[in-house]
C-alpha atoms as a PDB file:
ATOM      1  CA  MET A   1      -9.205  25.469   1.581  1.00  0.00           C
ATOM      2  CA  ASP A   2      -6.951  23.158   3.802  1.00  0.00           C
ATOM      3  CA  PHE A   3      -9.658  21.030   5.397  1.00  0.00           C
ATOM      4  CA  PRO A   4      -7.365  19.097   7.724  1.00  0.00           C
ATOM      5  CA  LEU A   5      -5.926  22.404   9.042  1.00  0.00           C
ATOM      6  CA  VAL A   6      -9.441  23.819   9.582  1.00  0.00           C
ATOM      7  CA  PHE A   7     -10.465  20.544  11.212  1.00  0.00           C
ATOM      8  CA  ARG A   8      -7.491  20.629  13.670  1.00  0.00           C
ATOM      9  CA  TRP A   9      -8.246  24.278  14.310  1.00  0.00           C
ATOM     10  CA  LEU A  10     -11.849  23.446  15.188  1.00  0.00           C
ATOM     11  CA  ILE A  11     -10.771  20.635  17.498  1.00  0.00           C
ATOM     12  CA  ASP A  12      -8.335  22.918  19.355  1.00  0.00           C
ATOM     13  CA  ILE A  13     -11.234  25.365  19.907  1.00  0.00           C
ATOM     14  CA  PHE A  14     -13.625  22.700  21.020  1.00  0.00           C
ATOM     15  CA  ARG A  15     -11.027  21.395  23.584  1.00  0.00           C
ATOM     16  CA  ARG A  16     -10.108  24.866  24.701  1.00  0.00           C
ATOM     17  CA  GLU A  17     -13.768  25.796  25.330  1.00  0.00           C
ATOM     18  CA  LYS A  18     -14.469  22.392  26.894  1.00  0.00           C
ATOM     19  CA  ILE A  19     -17.109  21.641  24.149  1.00  0.00           C
ATOM     20  CA  GLU A  20     -17.897  17.947  23.919  1.00  0.00           C
ATOM     21  CA  PHE A  21     -17.640  16.350  20.496  1.00  0.00           C
ATOM     22  CA  ALA A  22     -17.407  12.971  19.014  1.00  0.00           C
ATOM     23  CA  LEU A  23     -15.746  11.803  15.800  1.00  0.00           C
ATOM     24  CA  ILE A  24     -16.401   8.841  13.621  1.00  0.00           C
ATOM     25  CA  GLY A  25     -14.055   7.073  11.383  1.00  0.00           C
ATOM     26  CA  SER A  26     -14.342   6.884   7.585  1.00  0.00           C
ATOM     27  CA  GLU A  27     -15.485   3.271   7.997  1.00  0.00           C
ATOM     28  CA  ASP A  28     -18.357   4.302  10.177  1.00  0.00           C
ATOM     29  CA  LEU A  29     -19.348   7.140   7.823  1.00  0.00           C
ATOM     30  CA  ILE A  30     -19.332   4.618   4.931  1.00  0.00           C
ATOM     31  CA  GLY A  31     -21.596   2.437   7.069  1.00  0.00           C
ATOM     32  CA  LEU A  32     -24.055   5.223   7.573  1.00  0.00           C
ATOM     33  CA  LYS A  33     -23.973   5.941   3.768  1.00  0.00           C
ATOM     34  CA  VAL A  34     -24.727   2.208   3.018  1.00  0.00           C
ATOM     35  CA  GLN A  35     -27.752   2.469   5.410  1.00  0.00           C
ATOM     36  CA  ALA A  36     -28.804   5.656   3.891  1.00  0.00           C
ATOM     37  CA  PHE A  37     -29.105   4.362   0.308  1.00  0.00           C
ATOM     38  CA  CYS A  38     -30.752   1.095   1.501  1.00  0.00           C
ATOM     39  CA  ASN A  39     -33.345   3.182   3.280  1.00  0.00           C
ATOM     40  CA  ASP A  40     -33.783   5.580   0.210  1.00  0.00           C
ATOM     41  CA  PRO A  41     -32.905   3.901  -3.026  1.00  0.00           C
ATOM     42  CA  ALA A  42     -33.018   7.415  -4.769  1.00  0.00           C
ATOM     43  CA  ARG A  43     -29.865   8.245  -2.796  1.00  0.00           C
ATOM     44  CA  TYR A  44     -27.879   5.204  -4.237  1.00  0.00           C
ATOM     45  CA  HIS A  45     -25.670   6.946  -6.846  1.00  0.00           C
ATOM     46  CA  GLN A  46     -24.702   9.863  -4.724  1.00  0.00           C
ATOM     47  CA  GLU A  47     -23.929   7.782  -1.569  1.00  0.00           C
ATOM     48  CA  MET A  48     -21.868   5.168  -3.726  1.00  0.00           C
ATOM     49  CA  SER A  49     -19.985   8.035  -5.274  1.00  0.00           C
ATOM     50  CA  ASP A  50     -19.245   9.403  -1.840  1.00  0.00           C
ATOM     51  CA  ILE A  51     -18.147   5.909  -0.630  1.00  0.00           C
ATOM     52  CA  GLU A  52     -15.866   5.496  -3.576  1.00  0.00           C
ATOM     53  CA  ALA A  53     -14.274   8.852  -2.846  1.00  0.00           C
ATOM     54  CA  LEU A  54     -13.835   8.043   0.808  1.00  0.00           C
ATOM     55  CA  LEU A  55     -12.200   4.667   0.027  1.00  0.00           C
ATOM     56  CA  ILE A  56      -9.832   6.348  -2.375  1.00  0.00           C
ATOM     57  CA  GLN A  57      -8.922   9.184   0.001  1.00  0.00           C
ATOM     58  CA  ASN A  58      -8.515   6.844   3.029  1.00  0.00           C
ATOM     59  CA  ARG A  59      -7.202   3.820   1.242  1.00  0.00           C
ATOM     60  CA  SER A  60      -4.213   3.256   3.564  1.00  0.00           C
ATOM     61  CA  MET A  61      -6.088   3.584   6.835  1.00  0.00           C
ATOM     62  CA  SER A  62      -9.520   2.103   5.897  1.00  0.00           C
ATOM     63  CA  ASP A  63     -10.392  -0.922   7.944  1.00  0.00           C
ATOM     64  CA  MET A  64     -11.812  -2.926   5.020  1.00  0.00           C
ATOM     65  CA  ARG A  65     -13.088  -5.624   7.315  1.00  0.00           C
ATOM     66  CA  SER A  66     -15.457  -3.169   9.063  1.00  0.00           C
ATOM     67  CA  VAL A  67     -16.483  -1.626   5.708  1.00  0.00           C
ATOM     68  CA  ARG A  68     -17.259  -5.141   4.382  1.00  0.00           C
ATOM     69  CA  GLU A  69     -19.355  -5.865   7.416  1.00  0.00           C
ATOM     70  CA  TYR A  70     -21.517  -2.814   6.855  1.00  0.00           C
ATOM     71  CA  PHE A  71     -22.192  -3.891   3.263  1.00  0.00           C
ATOM     72  CA  LYS A  72     -22.871  -7.488   4.427  1.00  0.00           C
ATOM     73  CA  LEU A  73     -25.280  -6.199   7.026  1.00  0.00           C
ATOM     74  CA  PHE A  74     -27.388  -4.705   4.309  1.00  0.00           C
ATOM     75  CA  ASN A  75     -26.744  -7.665   1.772  1.00  0.00           C
ATOM     76  CA  ARG A  76     -24.852  -5.279  -0.492  1.00  0.00           C
ATOM     77  CA  GLU A  77     -21.321  -6.894  -0.650  1.00  0.00           C
ATOM     78  CA  LYS A  78     -21.501  -6.970  -4.564  1.00  0.00           C
ATOM     79  CA  ASP A  79     -21.662  -3.188  -4.471  1.00  0.00           C
ATOM     80  CA  LEU A  80     -18.512  -3.005  -2.422  1.00  0.00           C
ATOM     81  CA  ASP A  81     -16.804  -5.547  -4.735  1.00  0.00           C
ATOM     82  CA  ASP A  82     -17.752  -3.374  -7.674  1.00  0.00           C
ATOM     83  CA  ILE A  83     -16.247  -0.313  -6.050  1.00  0.00           C
ATOM     84  CA  ILE A  84     -13.043  -2.156  -5.121  1.00  0.00           C
ATOM     85  CA  ARG A  85     -12.673  -3.309  -8.767  1.00  0.00           C
ATOM     86  CA  ARG A  86     -13.245   0.326 -10.039  1.00  0.00           C
ATOM     87  CA  ILE A  87     -10.717   1.903  -7.796  1.00  0.00           C
ATOM     88  CA  ALA A  88      -7.981  -0.843  -7.908  1.00  0.00           C
ATOM     89  CA  ASP A  89      -6.064   1.217 -10.392  1.00  0.00           C
ATOM     90  CA  VAL A  90      -6.831   4.651  -9.162  1.00  0.00           C
ATOM     91  CA  LYS A  91      -3.783   6.403  -7.954  1.00  0.00           C
ATOM     92  CA  HIS A  92      -4.055   8.404  -4.803  1.00  0.00           C
ATOM     93  CA  PRO A  93      -4.984  11.991  -5.801  1.00  0.00           C
ATOM     94  CA  ARG A  94      -2.250  14.625  -5.229  1.00  0.00           C
ATOM     95  CA  LYS A  95      -2.913  17.481  -2.960  1.00  0.00           C
ATOM     96  CA  LYS A  96      -3.133  20.950  -4.491  1.00  0.00           C
ATOM     97  CA  GLY A  97       0.154  22.707  -4.808  1.00  0.00           C
ATOM     98  CA  ASN A  98       2.122  19.442  -5.153  1.00  0.00           C
ATOM     99  CA  ALA A  99       3.755  18.922  -8.524  1.00  0.00           C
END
């Protein structure tokens, strides 16, 4: 499924029908995930996996200063540094259908 295409389609419908909606950036989503695992340590591994994937997928547009501030707010900067080290050599994944 082409999620960006579906996403744009939904936004068009919302605008056409005058449905109010708000979007958050990947940095803010990461901040919510940091808060989630700090509030519920059982969620740590899933949230960190999601954060890692978000950083890989949005590497070129992620505002790392904001991301670091979220981790700093919860005293978890070491976790971010660990992720950054792990993904340093990960190439951006290719989209399906590209050779």
